[in-house]
PDB file of all heavy atoms in Angstrom:
ATOM      1  N   ILE A   1      72.244 -56.147  52.738  1.00  0.00           N
ATOM      2  CA  ILE A   1      71.247 -55.099  52.544  1.00  0.00           C
ATOM      3  C   ILE A   1      71.880 -53.774  52.924  1.00  0.00           C
ATOM      4  O   ILE A   1      72.454 -53.645  54.009  1.00  0.00           O
ATOM      5  CB  ILE A   1      69.990 -55.348  53.402  1.00  0.00           C
ATOM      6  CG1 ILE A   1      69.315 -56.660  52.985  1.00  0.00           C
ATOM      7  CG2 ILE A   1      69.027 -54.178  53.298  1.00  0.00           C
ATOM      8  CD1 ILE A   1      68.183 -57.090  53.900  1.00  0.00           C
ATOM      9  N   SER A   2      71.772 -52.785  52.039  1.00  0.00           N
ATOM     10  CA  SER A   2      72.295 -51.446  52.302  1.00  0.00           C
ATOM     11  C   SER A   2      71.200 -50.427  51.990  1.00  0.00           C
ATOM     12  O   SER A   2      70.630 -50.447  50.894  1.00  0.00           O
ATOM     13  CB  SER A   2      73.526 -51.186  51.427  1.00  0.00           C
ATOM     14  OG  SER A   2      74.040 -49.903  51.680  1.00  0.00           O
ATOM     15  N   ILE A   3      70.910 -49.554  52.956  1.00  0.00           N
ATOM     16  CA  ILE A   3      69.859 -48.549  52.796  1.00  0.00           C
ATOM     17  C   ILE A   3      70.432 -47.183  53.126  1.00  0.00           C
ATOM     18  O   ILE A   3      70.970 -46.987  54.226  1.00  0.00           O
ATOM     19  CB  ILE A   3      68.652 -48.858  53.707  1.00  0.00           C
ATOM     20  CG1 ILE A   3      68.050 -50.220  53.358  1.00  0.00           C
ATOM     21  CG2 ILE A   3      67.613 -47.745  53.615  1.00  0.00           C
ATOM     22  CD1 ILE A   3      67.018 -50.710  54.351  1.00  0.00           C
ATOM     23  N   ASP A   4      70.311 -46.243  52.202  1.00  0.00           N
ATOM     24  CA  ASP A   4      70.685 -44.841  52.422  1.00  0.00           C
ATOM     25  C   ASP A   4      69.424 -44.006  52.295  1.00  0.00           C
ATOM     26  O   ASP A   4      68.751 -44.052  51.256  1.00  0.00           O
ATOM     27  CB  ASP A   4      71.718 -44.376  51.387  1.00  0.00           C
ATOM     28  CG  ASP A   4      73.061 -45.049  51.579  1.00  0.00           C
ATOM     29  OD1 ASP A   4      73.662 -44.843  52.643  1.00  0.00           O
ATOM     30  OD2 ASP A   4      73.501 -45.780  50.670  1.00  0.00           O
ATOM     31  N   THR A   5      69.100 -43.241  53.348  1.00  0.00           N
ATOM     32  CA  THR A   5      67.832 -42.516  53.365  1.00  0.00           C
ATOM     33  C   THR A   5      67.911 -41.306  54.285  1.00  0.00           C
ATOM     34  O   THR A   5      68.874 -41.150  55.037  1.00  0.00           O
ATOM     35  CB  THR A   5      66.694 -43.458  53.821  1.00  0.00           C
ATOM     36  OG1 THR A   5      65.454 -42.789  53.700  1.00  0.00           O
ATOM     37  CG2 THR A   5      66.897 -43.930  55.243  1.00  0.00           C
ATOM     38  N   GLY A   6      66.892 -40.483  54.234  1.00  0.00           N
ATOM     39  CA  GLY A   6      66.765 -39.378  55.181  1.00  0.00           C
ATOM     40  C   GLY A   6      66.161 -39.876  56.481  1.00  0.00           C
ATOM     41  O   GLY A   6      66.736 -39.753  57.558  1.00  0.00           O
ATOM     42  N   ASN A   7      64.971 -40.468  56.385  1.00  0.00           N
ATOM     43  CA  ASN A   7      64.258 -41.048  57.522  1.00  0.00           C
ATOM     44  C   ASN A   7      63.811 -42.445  57.146  1.00  0.00           C
ATOM     45  O   ASN A   7      63.454 -42.705  56.002  1.00  0.00           O
ATOM     46  CB  ASN A   7      63.012 -40.228  57.866  1.00  0.00           C
ATOM     47  CG  ASN A   7      63.352 -38.836  58.304  1.00  0.00           C
ATOM     48  OD1 ASN A   7      63.974 -38.643  59.323  1.00  0.00           O
ATOM     49  ND2 ASN A   7      62.949 -37.852  57.509  1.00  0.00           N
ATOM     50  N   MET A   8      63.782 -43.345  58.136  1.00  0.00           N
ATOM     51  CA  MET A   8      63.310 -44.695  57.879  1.00  0.00           C
ATOM     52  C   MET A   8      62.425 -45.140  59.039  1.00  0.00           C
ATOM     53  O   MET A   8      62.786 -44.978  60.203  1.00  0.00           O
ATOM     54  CB  MET A   8      64.469 -45.673  57.742  1.00  0.00           C
ATOM     55  CG  MET A   8      64.009 -47.070  57.368  1.00  0.00           C
ATOM     56  SD  MET A   8      65.358 -48.193  56.971  1.00  0.00           S
ATOM     57  CE  MET A   8      65.782 -48.780  58.587  1.00  0.00           C
ATOM     58  N   SER A   9      61.265 -45.705  58.707  1.00  0.00           N
ATOM     59  CA  SER A   9      60.360 -46.266  59.702  1.00  0.00           C
ATOM     60  C   SER A   9      60.122 -47.730  59.377  1.00  0.00           C
ATOM     61  O   SER A   9      59.742 -48.069  58.259  1.00  0.00           O
ATOM     62  CB  SER A   9      59.019 -45.528  59.697  1.00  0.00           C
ATOM     63  OG  SER A   9      59.196 -44.178  60.063  1.00  0.00           O
ATOM     64  N   VAL A  10      60.356 -48.588  60.355  1.00  0.00           N
ATOM     65  CA  VAL A  10      60.077 -50.023  60.237  1.00  0.00           C
ATOM     66  C   VAL A  10      59.002 -50.301  61.282  1.00  0.00           C
ATOM     67  O   VAL A  10      59.301 -50.524  62.448  1.00  0.00           O
ATOM     68  CB  VAL A  10      61.344 -50.866  60.485  1.00  0.00           C
ATOM     69  CG1 VAL A  10      61.043 -52.351  60.344  1.00  0.00           C
ATOM     70  CG2 VAL A  10      62.455 -50.458  59.531  1.00  0.00           C
ATOM     71  N   ILE A  11      57.742 -50.217  60.866  1.00  0.00           N
ATOM     72  CA  ILE A  11      56.616 -50.330  61.787  1.00  0.00           C
ATOM     73  C   ILE A  11      55.822 -51.584  61.425  1.00  0.00           C
ATOM     74  O   ILE A  11      55.371 -51.730  60.286  1.00  0.00           O
ATOM     75  CB  ILE A  11      55.737 -49.072  61.731  1.00  0.00           C
ATOM     76  CG1 ILE A  11      56.581 -47.854  62.114  1.00  0.00           C
ATOM     77  CG2 ILE A  11      54.522 -49.211  62.646  1.00  0.00           C
ATOM     78  CD1 ILE A  11      55.907 -46.529  61.908  1.00  0.00           C
ATOM     79  N   ASN A  12      55.681 -52.465  62.386  1.00  0.00           N
ATOM     80  CA  ASN A  12      54.990 -53.739  62.181  1.00  0.00           C
ATOM     81  C   ASN A  12      55.552 -54.507  60.985  1.00  0.00           C
ATOM     82  O   ASN A  12      54.805 -55.126  60.224  1.00  0.00           O
ATOM     83  CB  ASN A  12      53.482 -53.537  62.029  1.00  0.00           C
ATOM     84  CG  ASN A  12      52.854 -52.952  63.269  1.00  0.00           C
ATOM     85  OD1 ASN A  12      53.306 -53.192  64.378  1.00  0.00           O
ATOM     86  ND2 ASN A  12      51.814 -52.167  63.088  1.00  0.00           N
ATOM     87  N   SER A  13      56.870 -54.451  60.818  1.00  0.00           N
ATOM     88  CA  SER A  13      57.509 -55.144  59.705  1.00  0.00           C
ATOM     89  C   SER A  13      58.959 -55.460  60.068  1.00  0.00           C
ATOM     90  O   SER A  13      59.449 -55.065  61.126  1.00  0.00           O
ATOM     91  CB  SER A  13      57.432 -54.306  58.426  1.00  0.00           C
ATOM     92  OG  SER A  13      58.054 -53.062  58.623  1.00  0.00           O
ATOM     93  N   GLN A  14      59.637 -56.153  59.165  1.00  0.00           N
ATOM     94  CA  GLN A  14      61.007 -56.568  59.412  1.00  0.00           C
ATOM     95  C   GLN A  14      61.857 -56.382  58.163  1.00  0.00           C
ATOM     96  O   GLN A  14      61.362 -56.514  57.047  1.00  0.00           O
ATOM     97  CB  GLN A  14      61.069 -58.042  59.821  1.00  0.00           C
ATOM     98  CG  GLN A  14      60.337 -58.344  61.101  1.00  0.00           C
ATOM     99  CD  GLN A  14      60.328 -59.827  61.420  1.00  0.00           C
ATOM    100  OE1 GLN A  14      60.432 -60.667  60.545  1.00  0.00           O
ATOM    101  NE2 GLN A  14      60.193 -60.135  62.700  1.00  0.00           N
ATOM    102  N   ILE A  15      63.127 -56.115  58.394  1.00  0.00           N
ATOM    103  CA  ILE A  15      64.139 -56.097  57.345  1.00  0.00           C
ATOM    104  C   ILE A  15      65.192 -57.094  57.794  1.00  0.00           C
ATOM    105  O   ILE A  15      65.705 -56.995  58.913  1.00  0.00           O
ATOM    106  CB  ILE A  15      64.753 -54.696  57.169  1.00  0.00           C
ATOM    107  CG1 ILE A  15      63.687 -53.706  56.693  1.00  0.00           C
ATOM    108  CG2 ILE A  15      65.932 -54.748  56.206  1.00  0.00           C
ATOM    109  CD1 ILE A  15      64.168 -52.275  56.614  1.00  0.00           C
ATOM    110  N   GLY A  16      65.484 -58.087  56.936  1.00  0.00           N
ATOM    111  CA  GLY A  16      66.402 -59.110  57.399  1.00  0.00           C
ATOM    112  C   GLY A  16      67.221 -59.767  56.320  1.00  0.00           C
ATOM    113  O   GLY A  16      66.799 -59.884  55.178  1.00  0.00           O
ATOM    114  N   SER A  17      68.409 -60.175  56.731  1.00  0.00           N
ATOM    115  CA  SER A  17      69.264 -61.051  55.941  1.00  0.00           C
ATOM    116  C   SER A  17      69.500 -62.263  56.833  1.00  0.00           C
ATOM    117  O   SER A  17      70.263 -62.206  57.794  1.00  0.00           O
ATOM    118  CB  SER A  17      70.577 -60.357  55.589  1.00  0.00           C
ATOM    119  OG  SER A  17      71.381 -61.238  54.840  1.00  0.00           O
ATOM    120  N   ILE A  18      68.795 -63.343  56.519  1.00  0.00           N
ATOM    121  CA  ILE A  18      68.694 -64.470  57.440  1.00  0.00           C
ATOM    122  C   ILE A  18      69.011 -65.770  56.706  1.00  0.00           C
ATOM    123  O   ILE A  18      68.610 -65.955  55.563  1.00  0.00           O
ATOM    124  CB  ILE A  18      67.264 -64.547  58.029  1.00  0.00           C
ATOM    125  CG1 ILE A  18      66.923 -63.228  58.731  1.00  0.00           C
ATOM    126  CG2 ILE A  18      67.104 -65.739  58.955  1.00  0.00           C
ATOM    127  CD1 ILE A  18      65.461 -63.087  59.110  1.00  0.00           C
ATOM    128  N   THR A  19      69.733 -66.655  57.385  1.00  0.00           N
ATOM    129  CA  THR A  19      69.941 -67.989  56.844  1.00  0.00           C
ATOM    130  C   THR A  19      69.057 -68.969  57.609  1.00  0.00           C
ATOM    131  O   THR A  19      69.000 -68.948  58.833  1.00  0.00           O
ATOM    132  CB  THR A  19      71.421 -68.425  56.887  1.00  0.00           C
ATOM    133  OG1 THR A  19      71.529 -69.735  56.347  1.00  0.00           O
ATOM    134  CG2 THR A  19      72.008 -68.398  58.276  1.00  0.00           C
ATOM    135  N   PHE A  20      68.337 -69.784  56.857  1.00  0.00           N
ATOM    136  CA  PHE A  20      67.466 -70.809  57.420  1.00  0.00           C
ATOM    137  C   PHE A  20      68.078 -72.194  57.218  1.00  0.00           C
ATOM    138  O   PHE A  20      67.476 -73.189  57.587  1.00  0.00           O
ATOM    139  CB  PHE A  20      66.088 -70.766  56.755  1.00  0.00           C
ATOM    140  CG  PHE A  20      65.301 -69.532  57.103  1.00  0.00           C
ATOM    141  CD1 PHE A  20      65.449 -68.367  56.363  1.00  0.00           C
ATOM    142  CD2 PHE A  20      64.416 -69.534  58.172  1.00  0.00           C
ATOM    143  CE1 PHE A  20      64.716 -67.227  56.681  1.00  0.00           C
ATOM    144  CE2 PHE A  20      63.688 -68.404  58.498  1.00  0.00           C
ATOM    145  CZ  PHE A  20      63.843 -67.248  57.750  1.00  0.00           C
ATOM    146  N   ALA A  21      69.249 -72.286  56.582  1.00  0.00           N
ATOM    147  CA  ALA A  21      69.872 -73.568  56.276  1.00  0.00           C
ATOM    148  C   ALA A  21      71.373 -73.459  56.532  1.00  0.00           C
ATOM    149  O   ALA A  21      71.779 -72.900  57.534  1.00  0.00           O
ATOM    150  CB  ALA A  21      69.571 -73.950  54.831  1.00  0.00           C
ATOM    151  N   ARG A  22      72.185 -73.978  55.608  1.00  0.00           N
ATOM    152  CA  ARG A  22      73.641 -73.883  55.745  1.00  0.00           C
ATOM    153  C   ARG A  22      74.148 -72.684  54.972  1.00  0.00           C
ATOM    154  O   ARG A  22      74.006 -72.608  53.753  1.00  0.00           O
ATOM    155  CB  ARG A  22      74.308 -75.125  55.185  1.00  0.00           C
ATOM    156  CG  ARG A  22      74.334 -76.229  56.131  1.00  0.00           C
ATOM    157  CD  ARG A  22      75.289 -77.283  55.647  1.00  0.00           C
ATOM    158  NE  ARG A  22      75.419 -78.259  56.696  1.00  0.00           N
ATOM    159  CZ  ARG A  22      75.937 -79.429  56.529  1.00  0.00           C
ATOM    160  NH1 ARG A  22      76.407 -79.783  55.365  1.00  0.00           N
ATOM    161  NH2 ARG A  22      76.017 -80.263  57.535  1.00  0.00           N
ATOM    162  N   GLY A  23      74.726 -71.743  55.704  1.00  0.00           N
ATOM    163  CA  GLY A  23      75.261 -70.545  55.089  1.00  0.00           C
ATOM    164  C   GLY A  23      75.260 -69.421  56.104  1.00  0.00           C
ATOM    165  O   GLY A  23      74.702 -69.548  57.194  1.00  0.00           O
ATOM    166  N   ASN A  24      75.877 -68.352  55.759  1.00  0.00           N
ATOM    167  CA  ASN A  24      75.974 -67.205  56.652  1.00  0.00           C
ATOM    168  C   ASN A  24      74.924 -66.155  56.309  1.00  0.00           C
ATOM    169  O   ASN A  24      74.576 -65.981  55.141  1.00  0.00           O
ATOM    170  CB  ASN A  24      77.373 -66.585  56.562  1.00  0.00           C
ATOM    171  CG  ASN A  24      78.448 -67.562  56.955  1.00  0.00           C
ATOM    172  OD1 ASN A  24      78.314 -68.271  57.939  1.00  0.00           O
ATOM    173  ND2 ASN A  24      79.522 -67.625  56.182  1.00  0.00           N
TER     174      ASN A  24
END
């Protein structure tokens, strides 16, 4: 995930790159 911005708000939320099984 790549984000280019002026301002960023992550309020009551999530940004993720997650593995739930086999992998990175």
